[in-house]
C-alpha atoms as a PDB file:
ATOM      1  CA  MET A   1       0.000   0.000   0.000  1.00  0.00           C
ATOM      2  CA  THR A   2       2.820   2.427   0.801  1.00  0.00           C
ATOM      3  CA  GLY A   3       4.309   1.794  -2.613  1.00  0.00           C
ATOM      4  CA  ARG A   4       1.154   2.349  -4.635  1.00  0.00           C
ATOM      5  CA  ALA A   5      -0.433   5.027  -2.460  1.00  0.00           C
ATOM      6  CA  TRP A   6       2.696   7.011  -1.694  1.00  0.00           C
ATOM      7  CA  LEU A   7       5.903   6.159  -3.520  1.00  0.00           C
ATOM      8  CA  GLU A   8       4.367   5.831  -6.990  1.00  0.00           C
ATOM      9  CA  ARG A   9       2.909   9.321  -6.570  1.00  0.00           C
ATOM     10  CA  GLY A  10       6.356  10.789  -5.961  1.00  0.00           C
ATOM     11  CA  GLY A  11       6.471  10.721  -2.184  1.00  0.00           C
ATOM     12  CA  THR A  12       9.440   9.733  -0.027  1.00  0.00           C
ATOM     13  CA  TYR A  13       9.098   7.201   2.791  1.00  0.00           C
ATOM     14  CA  VAL A  14      11.329   7.231   5.889  1.00  0.00           C
ATOM     15  CA  ILE A  15      11.463   4.836   8.858  1.00  0.00           C
ATOM     16  CA  ALA A  16      12.930   6.268  12.072  1.00  0.00           C
ATOM     17  CA  ASN A  17      14.634   3.689  14.321  1.00  0.00           C
ATOM     18  CA  ILE A  18      14.281   5.504  17.624  1.00  0.00           C
ATOM     19  CA  ARG A  19      15.241   4.484  21.138  1.00  0.00           C
ATOM     20  CA  GLY A  20      12.577   2.472  22.885  1.00  0.00           C
ATOM     21  CA  GLY A  21      12.254   0.039  19.994  1.00  0.00           C
ATOM     22  CA  GLY A  22      13.895  -3.364  19.748  1.00  0.00           C
ATOM     23  CA  GLU A  23      15.892  -2.796  16.565  1.00  0.00           C
ATOM     24  CA  TYR A  24      19.293  -2.745  18.276  1.00  0.00           C
ATOM     25  CA  GLY A  25      18.780  -5.015  21.240  1.00  0.00           C
ATOM     26  CA  PRO A  26      17.602  -4.783  24.856  1.00  0.00           C
ATOM     27  CA  GLY A  27      19.759  -1.774  25.705  1.00  0.00           C
ATOM     28  CA  TRP A  28      18.182   0.239  22.905  1.00  0.00           C
ATOM     29  CA  HIS A  29      14.757  -0.629  24.272  1.00  0.00           C
ATOM     30  CA  ARG A  30      15.629   0.120  27.905  1.00  0.00           C
ATOM     31  CA  ALA A  31      17.031   3.541  26.952  1.00  0.00           C
ATOM     32  CA  ALA A  32      13.506   4.943  26.644  1.00  0.00           C
ATOM     33  CA  LEU A  33      11.589   3.170  29.400  1.00  0.00           C
ATOM     34  CA  GLY A  34       9.602   4.899  32.110  1.00  0.00           C
ATOM     35  CA  ALA A  35      10.753   8.435  32.849  1.00  0.00           C
ATOM     36  CA  ASP A  36      13.150   8.196  29.895  1.00  0.00           C
ATOM     37  CA  ARG A  37      10.335   7.728  27.347  1.00  0.00           C
ATOM     38  CA  ALA A  38      10.827  11.294  26.134  1.00  0.00           C
ATOM     39  CA  ARG A  39      14.098  10.137  24.534  1.00  0.00           C
ATOM     40  CA  ALA A  40      12.042   8.306  21.917  1.00  0.00           C
ATOM     41  CA  PHE A  41      10.155  11.516  21.187  1.00  0.00           C
ATOM     42  CA  GLU A  42      13.399  13.471  20.941  1.00  0.00           C
ATOM     43  CA  ASP A  43      14.876  10.887  18.560  1.00  0.00           C
ATOM     44  CA  PHE A  44      11.883  11.078  16.227  1.00  0.00           C
ATOM     45  CA  ALA A  45      11.972  14.869  16.249  1.00  0.00           C
ATOM     46  CA  ALA A  46      15.695  14.732  15.498  1.00  0.00           C
ATOM     47  CA  VAL A  47      15.038  12.569  12.429  1.00  0.00           C
ATOM     48  CA  ALA A  48      12.395  15.029  11.239  1.00  0.00           C
ATOM     49  CA  THR A  49      14.782  17.939  11.747  1.00  0.00           C
ATOM     50  CA  ASP A  50      17.537  16.128   9.864  1.00  0.00           C
ATOM     51  CA  LEU A  51      15.266  15.439   6.888  1.00  0.00           C
ATOM     52  CA  VAL A  52      14.672  19.174   6.611  1.00  0.00           C
ATOM     53  CA  ARG A  53      18.340  20.012   7.164  1.00  0.00           C
ATOM     54  CA  ARG A  54      19.335  17.736   4.283  1.00  0.00           C
ATOM     55  CA  ASP A  55      16.701  19.282   1.993  1.00  0.00           C
ATOM     56  CA  ILE A  56      14.818  16.015   1.662  1.00  0.00           C
ATOM     57  CA  THR A  57      11.630  17.797   2.678  1.00  0.00           C
ATOM     58  CA  THR A  58      10.278  20.817   4.549  1.00  0.00           C
ATOM     59  CA  PRO A  59       8.087  20.934   7.655  1.00  0.00           C
ATOM     60  CA  ALA A  60       5.070  21.803   5.500  1.00  0.00           C
ATOM     61  CA  MET A  61       5.684  18.708   3.354  1.00  0.00           C
ATOM     62  CA  LEU A  62       6.548  16.297   6.168  1.00  0.00           C
ATOM     63  CA  GLY A  63       3.900  13.942   7.494  1.00  0.00           C
ATOM     64  CA  ALA A  64       4.129  11.293  10.192  1.00  0.00           C
ATOM     65  CA  ALA A  65       2.056   8.246  11.052  1.00  0.00           C
ATOM     66  CA  GLY A  66       2.178   5.669  13.830  1.00  0.00           C
ATOM     67  CA  GLY A  67      -0.087   3.272  15.653  1.00  0.00           C
ATOM     68  CA  SER A  68      -0.559   1.939  19.198  1.00  0.00           C
ATOM     69  CA  ASN A  69       2.639   2.929  21.046  1.00  0.00           C
ATOM     70  CA  GLY A  70       3.455   4.713  17.790  1.00  0.00           C
ATOM     71  CA  GLY A  71       0.183   6.565  18.293  1.00  0.00           C
ATOM     72  CA  LEU A  72       1.568   7.829  21.596  1.00  0.00           C
ATOM     73  CA  LEU A  73       4.614   8.953  19.631  1.00  0.00           C
ATOM     74  CA  MET A  74       2.380  10.821  17.181  1.00  0.00           C
ATOM     75  CA  GLY A  75       0.545  12.457  20.063  1.00  0.00           C
ATOM     76  CA  ALA A  76       3.905  13.596  21.397  1.00  0.00           C
ATOM     77  CA  MET A  77       4.827  15.059  18.017  1.00  0.00           C
ATOM     78  CA  VAL A  78       1.554  16.987  17.890  1.00  0.00           C
ATOM     79  CA  THR A  79       1.939  18.443  21.372  1.00  0.00           C
ATOM     80  CA  ARG A  80       5.731  18.797  21.635  1.00  0.00           C
ATOM     81  CA  TYR A  81       6.946  19.471  18.096  1.00  0.00           C
ATOM     82  CA  PRO A  82       3.966  20.730  16.075  1.00  0.00           C
ATOM     83  CA  GLU A  83       6.176  23.053  14.018  1.00  0.00           C
ATOM     84  CA  LEU A  84       8.046  20.107  12.493  1.00  0.00           C
ATOM     85  CA  PHE A  85       5.114  18.519  10.638  1.00  0.00           C
ATOM     86  CA  GLY A  86       2.552  19.360   7.991  1.00  0.00           C
ATOM     87  CA  ALA A  87       0.132  16.576   9.000  1.00  0.00           C
ATOM     88  CA  ILE A  88       0.003  13.651  11.439  1.00  0.00           C
ATOM     89  CA  VAL A  89      -1.947  10.386  11.634  1.00  0.00           C
ATOM     90  CA  ALA A  90      -2.295   8.563  14.987  1.00  0.00           C
ATOM     91  CA  GLN A  91      -3.739   5.064  14.610  1.00  0.00           C
ATOM     92  CA  VAL A  92      -5.318   3.178  17.554  1.00  0.00           C
ATOM     93  CA  PRO A  93      -3.302   5.584  19.724  1.00  0.00           C
ATOM     94  CA  LEU A  94      -2.374   5.542  23.385  1.00  0.00           C
ATOM     95  CA  LEU A  95      -2.890   9.162  24.492  1.00  0.00           C
ATOM     96  CA  ASP A  96      -4.046   9.367  28.123  1.00  0.00           C
ATOM     97  CA  MET A  97      -1.031   8.310  30.188  1.00  0.00           C
ATOM     98  CA  LEU A  98      -2.755   8.845  33.535  1.00  0.00           C
ATOM     99  CA  ARG A  99      -5.571   6.336  32.969  1.00  0.00           C
ATOM    100  CA  PHE A 100      -4.131   3.851  30.484  1.00  0.00           C
ATOM    101  CA  HIS A 101      -3.709   1.233  33.225  1.00  0.00           C
ATOM    102  CA  GLU A 102      -7.453   1.242  33.946  1.00  0.00           C
ATOM    103  CA  LEU A 103      -8.492   0.376  30.389  1.00  0.00           C
ATOM    104  CA  LEU A 104      -8.356  -3.073  28.740  1.00  0.00           C
ATOM    105  CA  ALA A 105      -4.783  -4.422  28.602  1.00  0.00           C
ATOM    106  CA  GLY A 106      -3.263  -1.183  29.868  1.00  0.00           C
ATOM    107  CA  ALA A 107      -2.111  -2.532  33.225  1.00  0.00           C
ATOM    108  CA  SER A 108       0.320  -4.823  31.412  1.00  0.00           C
ATOM    109  CA  TRP A 109       2.246  -1.773  30.154  1.00  0.00           C
ATOM    110  CA  ILE A 110       3.154  -0.391  33.573  1.00  0.00           C
ATOM    111  CA  ALA A 111       6.649  -1.868  33.288  1.00  0.00           C
ATOM    112  CA  GLU A 112       7.059   0.032  30.015  1.00  0.00           C
ATOM    113  CA  TYR A 113       5.786   3.448  31.035  1.00  0.00           C
ATOM    114  CA  GLY A 114       5.361   3.537  34.810  1.00  0.00           C
ATOM    115  CA  ASP A 115       2.440   3.301  37.238  1.00  0.00           C
ATOM    116  CA  PRO A 116       0.040   6.278  37.284  1.00  0.00           C
ATOM    117  CA  ASP A 117      -1.009   5.301  40.809  1.00  0.00           C
ATOM    118  CA  ASP A 118       2.574   5.597  42.062  1.00  0.00           C
ATOM    119  CA  PRO A 119       3.449   9.214  42.949  1.00  0.00           C
ATOM    120  CA  ALA A 120       7.019   8.529  41.846  1.00  0.00           C
ATOM    121  CA  ASP A 121       5.814   7.790  38.306  1.00  0.00           C
ATOM    122  CA  ARG A 122       2.770  10.025  38.005  1.00  0.00           C
ATOM    123  CA  GLU A 123       4.769  13.219  37.502  1.00  0.00           C
ATOM    124  CA  HIS A 124       6.646  11.963  34.443  1.00  0.00           C
ATOM    125  CA  LEU A 125       3.529  10.261  33.063  1.00  0.00           C
ATOM    126  CA  ASN A 126       1.624  13.527  33.267  1.00  0.00           C
ATOM    127  CA  ALA A 127       4.455  15.223  31.369  1.00  0.00           C
ATOM    128  CA  LEU A 128       4.450  12.448  28.735  1.00  0.00           C
ATOM    129  CA  SER A 129       0.669  12.355  28.286  1.00  0.00           C
ATOM    130  CA  PRO A 130      -0.393  13.986  24.984  1.00  0.00           C
ATOM    131  CA  TYR A 131      -3.991  14.295  26.174  1.00  0.00           C
ATOM    132  CA  HIS A 132      -2.947  16.352  29.175  1.00  0.00           C
ATOM    133  CA  ARG A 133      -0.622  18.582  27.131  1.00  0.00           C
ATOM    134  CA  LEU A 134      -3.325  19.841  24.768  1.00  0.00           C
ATOM    135  CA  THR A 135      -3.929  23.596  24.992  1.00  0.00           C
ATOM    136  CA  ALA A 136      -6.106  26.173  23.257  1.00  0.00           C
ATOM    137  CA  ASP A 137      -3.299  28.588  22.388  1.00  0.00           C
ATOM    138  CA  GLN A 138      -1.040  26.191  20.464  1.00  0.00           C
ATOM    139  CA  ALA A 139      -1.281  25.737  16.687  1.00  0.00           C
ATOM    140  CA  TYR A 140      -1.305  22.030  15.816  1.00  0.00           C
ATOM    141  CA  PRO A 141      -0.735  20.366  12.439  1.00  0.00           C
ATOM    142  CA  PRO A 142      -3.765  18.702  10.797  1.00  0.00           C
ATOM    143  CA  LEU A 143      -4.452  15.530  12.774  1.00  0.00           C
ATOM    144  CA  PHE A 144      -6.267  12.336  11.809  1.00  0.00           C
ATOM    145  CA  LEU A 145      -7.100   9.912  14.631  1.00  0.00           C
ATOM    146  CA  THR A 146      -8.205   6.360  13.845  1.00  0.00           C
ATOM    147  CA  THR A 147      -9.464   3.711  16.235  1.00  0.00           C
ATOM    148  CA  SER A 148     -11.638   0.605  16.441  1.00  0.00           C
ATOM    149  CA  THR A 149     -14.710   0.048  18.583  1.00  0.00           C
ATOM    150  CA  ARG A 150     -13.523  -3.521  19.133  1.00  0.00           C
ATOM    151  CA  ASP A 151      -9.898  -2.727  19.948  1.00  0.00           C
ATOM    152  CA  ASP A 152      -9.015  -5.083  22.811  1.00  0.00           C
ATOM    153  CA  ARG A 153      -5.576  -3.566  23.478  1.00  0.00           C
ATOM    154  CA  VAL A 154      -5.779   0.238  23.388  1.00  0.00           C
ATOM    155  CA  HIS A 155      -9.257   1.411  24.337  1.00  0.00           C
ATOM    156  CA  PRO A 156     -10.946   3.594  21.682  1.00  0.00           C
ATOM    157  CA  GLY A 157     -11.586   6.063  24.471  1.00  0.00           C
ATOM    158  CA  HIS A 158      -8.037   7.368  24.010  1.00  0.00           C
ATOM    159  CA  ALA A 159      -8.774   8.628  20.503  1.00  0.00           C
ATOM    160  CA  ARG A 160     -12.332   9.673  21.333  1.00  0.00           C
ATOM    161  CA  LYS A 161     -11.265  11.747  24.332  1.00  0.00           C
ATOM    162  CA  ALA A 162      -8.418  13.408  22.449  1.00  0.00           C
ATOM    163  CA  ALA A 163     -10.707  14.348  19.568  1.00  0.00           C
ATOM    164  CA  ALA A 164     -13.327  15.735  21.961  1.00  0.00           C
ATOM    165  CA  ARG A 165     -10.723  17.699  23.898  1.00  0.00           C
ATOM    166  CA  LEU A 166      -9.195  19.185  20.754  1.00  0.00           C
ATOM    167  CA  ARG A 167     -12.602  20.299  19.533  1.00  0.00           C
ATOM    168  CA  GLU A 168     -13.419  21.723  22.963  1.00  0.00           C
ATOM    169  CA  LEU A 169     -10.218  23.774  22.743  1.00  0.00           C
ATOM    170  CA  GLY A 170     -11.166  25.071  19.301  1.00  0.00           C
ATOM    171  CA  HIS A 171      -8.970  22.862  17.117  1.00  0.00           C
ATOM    172  CA  ARG A 172      -9.975  20.864  14.067  1.00  0.00           C
ATOM    173  CA  VAL A 173      -9.383  17.120  14.122  1.00  0.00           C
ATOM    174  CA  LEU A 174     -10.649  14.138  12.149  1.00  0.00           C
ATOM    175  CA  LEU A 175     -11.656  10.922  13.926  1.00  0.00           C
ATOM    176  CA  HIS A 176     -12.430   7.663  12.149  1.00  0.00           C
ATOM    177  CA  GLU A 177     -13.682   4.741  14.237  1.00  0.00           C
ATOM    178  CA  ASN A 178     -14.078   1.372  12.583  1.00  0.00           C
ATOM    179  CA  THR A 179     -16.656  -0.855  14.273  1.00  0.00           C
ATOM    180  CA  GLY A 180     -14.581  -4.023  13.847  1.00  0.00           C
ATOM    181  CA  GLY A 181     -11.059  -5.247  13.484  1.00  0.00           C
ATOM    182  CA  GLY A 182      -9.659  -5.200  17.008  1.00  0.00           C
ATOM    183  CA  HIS A 183      -6.303  -3.548  17.618  1.00  0.00           C
ATOM    184  CA  ALA A 184      -5.408  -3.898  13.948  1.00  0.00           C
ATOM    185  CA  GLY A 185      -8.182  -1.429  13.202  1.00  0.00           C
ATOM    186  CA  ALA A 186      -9.510  -3.608  10.384  1.00  0.00           C
ATOM    187  CA  GLY A 187     -11.182  -7.010  10.276  1.00  0.00           C
ATOM    188  CA  ASP A 188     -10.168  -8.027   6.755  1.00  0.00           C
ATOM    189  CA  ASN A 189      -8.083  -6.923   3.780  1.00  0.00           C
ATOM    190  CA  GLU A 190     -10.860  -4.745   2.398  1.00  0.00           C
ATOM    191  CA  GLN A 191     -11.143  -2.770   5.635  1.00  0.00           C
ATOM    192  CA  SER A 192      -7.365  -2.536   5.891  1.00  0.00           C
ATOM    193  CA  ALA A 193      -7.123  -1.157   2.359  1.00  0.00           C
ATOM    194  CA  HIS A 194      -9.880   1.336   3.141  1.00  0.00           C
ATOM    195  CA  ASN A 195      -8.087   2.562   6.273  1.00  0.00           C
ATOM    196  CA  ASN A 196      -4.800   2.889   4.418  1.00  0.00           C
ATOM    197  CA  ALA A 197      -6.508   4.825   1.654  1.00  0.00           C
ATOM    198  CA  LEU A 198      -7.977   7.214   4.221  1.00  0.00           C
ATOM    199  CA  MET A 199      -4.584   7.754   5.813  1.00  0.00           C
ATOM    200  CA  HIS A 200      -2.701   8.368   2.591  1.00  0.00           C
ATOM    201  CA  THR A 201      -5.434  10.569   1.154  1.00  0.00           C
ATOM    202  CA  PHE A 202      -5.434  12.678   4.318  1.00  0.00           C
ATOM    203  CA  LEU A 203      -1.673  13.079   4.293  1.00  0.00           C
ATOM    204  CA  TRP A 204      -1.401  13.807   0.592  1.00  0.00           C
ATOM    205  CA  SER A 205      -4.175  16.377   0.719  1.00  0.00           C
ATOM    206  CA  HIS A 206      -2.518  18.296   3.559  1.00  0.00           C
ATOM    207  CA  LEU A 207       1.168  18.138   2.731  1.00  0.00           C
ATOM    208  CA  ALA A 208       2.301  21.022   0.590  1.00  0.00           C
ATOM    209  CA  ARG A 209       3.433  20.557  -2.991  1.00  0.00           C
ATOM    210  CA  PRO A 210       4.643  20.820  -5.817  1.00  0.00           C
ATOM    211  CA  ALA A 211       7.792  19.259  -4.330  1.00  0.00           C
ATOM    212  CA  PRO A 212       7.461  15.542  -3.389  1.00  0.00           C
ATOM    213  CA  ALA A 213       6.064  14.912   0.071  1.00  0.00           C
ATOM    214  CA  ALA A 214       7.846  12.894   2.727  1.00  0.00           C
ATOM    215  CA  LEU A 215       6.234  10.433   5.115  1.00  0.00           C
ATOM    216  CA  GLY A 216       8.178   9.794   8.319  1.00  0.00           C
END
Protein backbone atom coordinates (compact mmCIF):
# COMPACT_ATOMS: atom_id res chain seq x y z
CA MET A 1 0.00 0.00 0.00
CA THR A 2 2.82 2.43 0.80
CA GLY A 3 4.31 1.79 -2.61
CA ARG A 4 1.15 2.35 -4.64
CA ALA A 5 -0.43 5.03 -2.46
CA TRP A 6 2.70 7.01 -1.69
CA LEU A 7 5.90 6.16 -3.52
CA GLU A 8 4.37 5.83 -6.99
CA ARG A 9 2.91 9.32 -6.57
CA GLY A 10 6.36 10.79 -5.96
CA GLY A 11 6.47 10.72 -2.18
CA THR A 12 9.44 9.73 -0.03
CA TYR A 13 9.10 7.20 2.79
CA VAL A 14 11.33 7.23 5.89
CA ILE A 15 11.46 4.84 8.86
CA ALA A 16 12.93 6.27 12.07
CA ASN A 17 14.63 3.69 14.32
CA ILE A 18 14.28 5.50 17.62
CA ARG A 19 15.24 4.48 21.14
CA GLY A 20 12.58 2.47 22.89
CA GLY A 21 12.25 0.04 19.99
CA GLY A 22 13.89 -3.36 19.75
CA GLU A 23 15.89 -2.80 16.57
CA TYR A 24 19.29 -2.74 18.28
CA GLY A 25 18.78 -5.01 21.24
CA PRO A 26 17.60 -4.78 24.86
CA GLY A 27 19.76 -1.77 25.71
CA TRP A 28 18.18 0.24 22.90
CA HIS A 29 14.76 -0.63 24.27
CA ARG A 30 15.63 0.12 27.91
CA ALA A 31 17.03 3.54 26.95
CA ALA A 32 13.51 4.94 26.64
CA LEU A 33 11.59 3.17 29.40
CA GLY A 34 9.60 4.90 32.11
CA ALA A 35 10.75 8.43 32.85
CA ASP A 36 13.15 8.20 29.90
CA ARG A 37 10.33 7.73 27.35
CA ALA A 38 10.83 11.29 26.13
CA ARG A 39 14.10 10.14 24.53
CA ALA A 40 12.04 8.31 21.92
CA PHE A 41 10.15 11.52 21.19
CA GLU A 42 13.40 13.47 20.94
CA ASP A 43 14.88 10.89 18.56
CA PHE A 44 11.88 11.08 16.23
CA ALA A 45 11.97 14.87 16.25
CA ALA A 46 15.70 14.73 15.50
CA VAL A 47 15.04 12.57 12.43
CA ALA A 48 12.39 15.03 11.24
CA THR A 49 14.78 17.94 11.75
CA ASP A 50 17.54 16.13 9.86
CA LEU A 51 15.27 15.44 6.89
CA VAL A 52 14.67 19.17 6.61
CA ARG A 53 18.34 20.01 7.16
CA ARG A 54 19.34 17.74 4.28
CA ASP A 55 16.70 19.28 1.99
CA ILE A 56 14.82 16.02 1.66
CA THR A 57 11.63 17.80 2.68
CA THR A 58 10.28 20.82 4.55
CA PRO A 59 8.09 20.93 7.66
CA ALA A 60 5.07 21.80 5.50
CA MET A 61 5.68 18.71 3.35
CA LEU A 62 6.55 16.30 6.17
CA GLY A 63 3.90 13.94 7.49
CA ALA A 64 4.13 11.29 10.19
CA ALA A 65 2.06 8.25 11.05
CA GLY A 66 2.18 5.67 13.83
CA GLY A 67 -0.09 3.27 15.65
CA SER A 68 -0.56 1.94 19.20
CA ASN A 69 2.64 2.93 21.05
CA GLY A 70 3.45 4.71 17.79
CA GLY A 71 0.18 6.57 18.29
CA LEU A 72 1.57 7.83 21.60
CA LEU A 73 4.61 8.95 19.63
CA MET A 74 2.38 10.82 17.18
CA GLY A 75 0.55 12.46 20.06
CA ALA A 76 3.91 13.60 21.40
CA MET A 77 4.83 15.06 18.02
CA VAL A 78 1.55 16.99 17.89
CA THR A 79 1.94 18.44 21.37
CA ARG A 80 5.73 18.80 21.64
CA TYR A 81 6.95 19.47 18.10
CA PRO A 82 3.97 20.73 16.08
CA GLU A 83 6.18 23.05 14.02
CA LEU A 84 8.05 20.11 12.49
CA PHE A 85 5.11 18.52 10.64
CA GLY A 86 2.55 19.36 7.99
CA ALA A 87 0.13 16.58 9.00
CA ILE A 88 0.00 13.65 11.44
CA VAL A 89 -1.95 10.39 11.63
CA ALA A 90 -2.29 8.56 14.99
CA GLN A 91 -3.74 5.06 14.61
CA VAL A 92 -5.32 3.18 17.55
CA PRO A 93 -3.30 5.58 19.72
CA LEU A 94 -2.37 5.54 23.39
CA LEU A 95 -2.89 9.16 24.49
CA ASP A 96 -4.05 9.37 28.12
CA MET A 97 -1.03 8.31 30.19
CA LEU A 98 -2.75 8.85 33.54
CA ARG A 99 -5.57 6.34 32.97
CA PHE A 100 -4.13 3.85 30.48
CA HIS A 101 -3.71 1.23 33.23
CA GLU A 102 -7.45 1.24 33.95
CA LEU A 103 -8.49 0.38 30.39
CA LEU A 104 -8.36 -3.07 28.74
CA ALA A 105 -4.78 -4.42 28.60
CA GLY A 106 -3.26 -1.18 29.87
CA ALA A 107 -2.11 -2.53 33.22
CA SER A 108 0.32 -4.82 31.41
CA TRP A 109 2.25 -1.77 30.15
CA ILE A 110 3.15 -0.39 33.57
CA ALA A 111 6.65 -1.87 33.29
CA GLU A 112 7.06 0.03 30.02
CA TYR A 113 5.79 3.45 31.03
CA GLY A 114 5.36 3.54 34.81
CA ASP A 115 2.44 3.30 37.24
CA PRO A 116 0.04 6.28 37.28
CA ASP A 117 -1.01 5.30 40.81
CA ASP A 118 2.57 5.60 42.06
CA PRO A 119 3.45 9.21 42.95
CA ALA A 120 7.02 8.53 41.85
CA ASP A 121 5.81 7.79 38.31
CA ARG A 122 2.77 10.02 38.00
CA GLU A 123 4.77 13.22 37.50
CA HIS A 124 6.65 11.96 34.44
CA LEU A 125 3.53 10.26 33.06
CA ASN A 126 1.62 13.53 33.27
CA ALA A 127 4.45 15.22 31.37
CA LEU A 128 4.45 12.45 28.74
CA SER A 129 0.67 12.35 28.29
CA PRO A 130 -0.39 13.99 24.98
CA TYR A 131 -3.99 14.30 26.17
CA HIS A 132 -2.95 16.35 29.18
CA ARG A 133 -0.62 18.58 27.13
CA LEU A 134 -3.32 19.84 24.77
CA THR A 135 -3.93 23.60 24.99
CA ALA A 136 -6.11 26.17 23.26
CA ASP A 137 -3.30 28.59 22.39
CA GLN A 138 -1.04 26.19 20.46
CA ALA A 139 -1.28 25.74 16.69
CA TYR A 140 -1.31 22.03 15.82
CA PRO A 141 -0.73 20.37 12.44
CA PRO A 142 -3.77 18.70 10.80
CA LEU A 143 -4.45 15.53 12.77
CA PHE A 144 -6.27 12.34 11.81
CA LEU A 145 -7.10 9.91 14.63
CA THR A 146 -8.20 6.36 13.84
CA THR A 147 -9.46 3.71 16.24
CA SER A 148 -11.64 0.60 16.44
CA THR A 149 -14.71 0.05 18.58
CA ARG A 150 -13.52 -3.52 19.13
CA ASP A 151 -9.90 -2.73 19.95
CA ASP A 152 -9.01 -5.08 22.81
CA ARG A 153 -5.58 -3.57 23.48
CA VAL A 154 -5.78 0.24 23.39
CA HIS A 155 -9.26 1.41 24.34
CA PRO A 156 -10.95 3.59 21.68
CA GLY A 157 -11.59 6.06 24.47
CA HIS A 158 -8.04 7.37 24.01
CA ALA A 159 -8.77 8.63 20.50
CA ARG A 160 -12.33 9.67 21.33
CA LYS A 161 -11.27 11.75 24.33
CA ALA A 162 -8.42 13.41 22.45
CA ALA A 163 -10.71 14.35 19.57
CA ALA A 164 -13.33 15.73 21.96
CA ARG A 165 -10.72 17.70 23.90
CA LEU A 166 -9.19 19.19 20.75
CA ARG A 167 -12.60 20.30 19.53
CA GLU A 168 -13.42 21.72 22.96
CA LEU A 169 -10.22 23.77 22.74
CA GLY A 170 -11.17 25.07 19.30
CA HIS A 171 -8.97 22.86 17.12
CA ARG A 172 -9.98 20.86 14.07
CA VAL A 173 -9.38 17.12 14.12
CA LEU A 174 -10.65 14.14 12.15
CA LEU A 175 -11.66 10.92 13.93
CA HIS A 176 -12.43 7.66 12.15
CA GLU A 177 -13.68 4.74 14.24
CA ASN A 178 -14.08 1.37 12.58
CA THR A 179 -16.66 -0.86 14.27
CA GLY A 180 -14.58 -4.02 13.85
CA GLY A 181 -11.06 -5.25 13.48
CA GLY A 182 -9.66 -5.20 17.01
CA HIS A 183 -6.30 -3.55 17.62
CA ALA A 184 -5.41 -3.90 13.95
CA GLY A 185 -8.18 -1.43 13.20
CA ALA A 186 -9.51 -3.61 10.38
CA GLY A 187 -11.18 -7.01 10.28
CA ASP A 188 -10.17 -8.03 6.76
CA ASN A 189 -8.08 -6.92 3.78
CA GLU A 190 -10.86 -4.75 2.40
CA GLN A 191 -11.14 -2.77 5.63
CA SER A 192 -7.37 -2.54 5.89
CA ALA A 193 -7.12 -1.16 2.36
CA HIS A 194 -9.88 1.34 3.14
CA ASN A 195 -8.09 2.56 6.27
CA ASN A 196 -4.80 2.89 4.42
CA ALA A 197 -6.51 4.83 1.65
CA LEU A 198 -7.98 7.21 4.22
CA MET A 199 -4.58 7.75 5.81
CA HIS A 200 -2.70 8.37 2.59
CA THR A 201 -5.43 10.57 1.15
CA PHE A 202 -5.43 12.68 4.32
CA LEU A 203 -1.67 13.08 4.29
CA TRP A 204 -1.40 13.81 0.59
CA SER A 205 -4.17 16.38 0.72
CA HIS A 206 -2.52 18.30 3.56
CA LEU A 207 1.17 18.14 2.73
CA ALA A 208 2.30 21.02 0.59
CA ARG A 209 3.43 20.56 -2.99
CA PRO A 210 4.64 20.82 -5.82
CA ALA A 211 7.79 19.26 -4.33
CA PRO A 212 7.46 15.54 -3.39
CA ALA A 213 6.06 14.91 0.07
CA ALA A 214 7.85 12.89 2.73
CA LEU A 215 6.23 10.43 5.11
CA GLY A 216 8.18 9.79 8.32
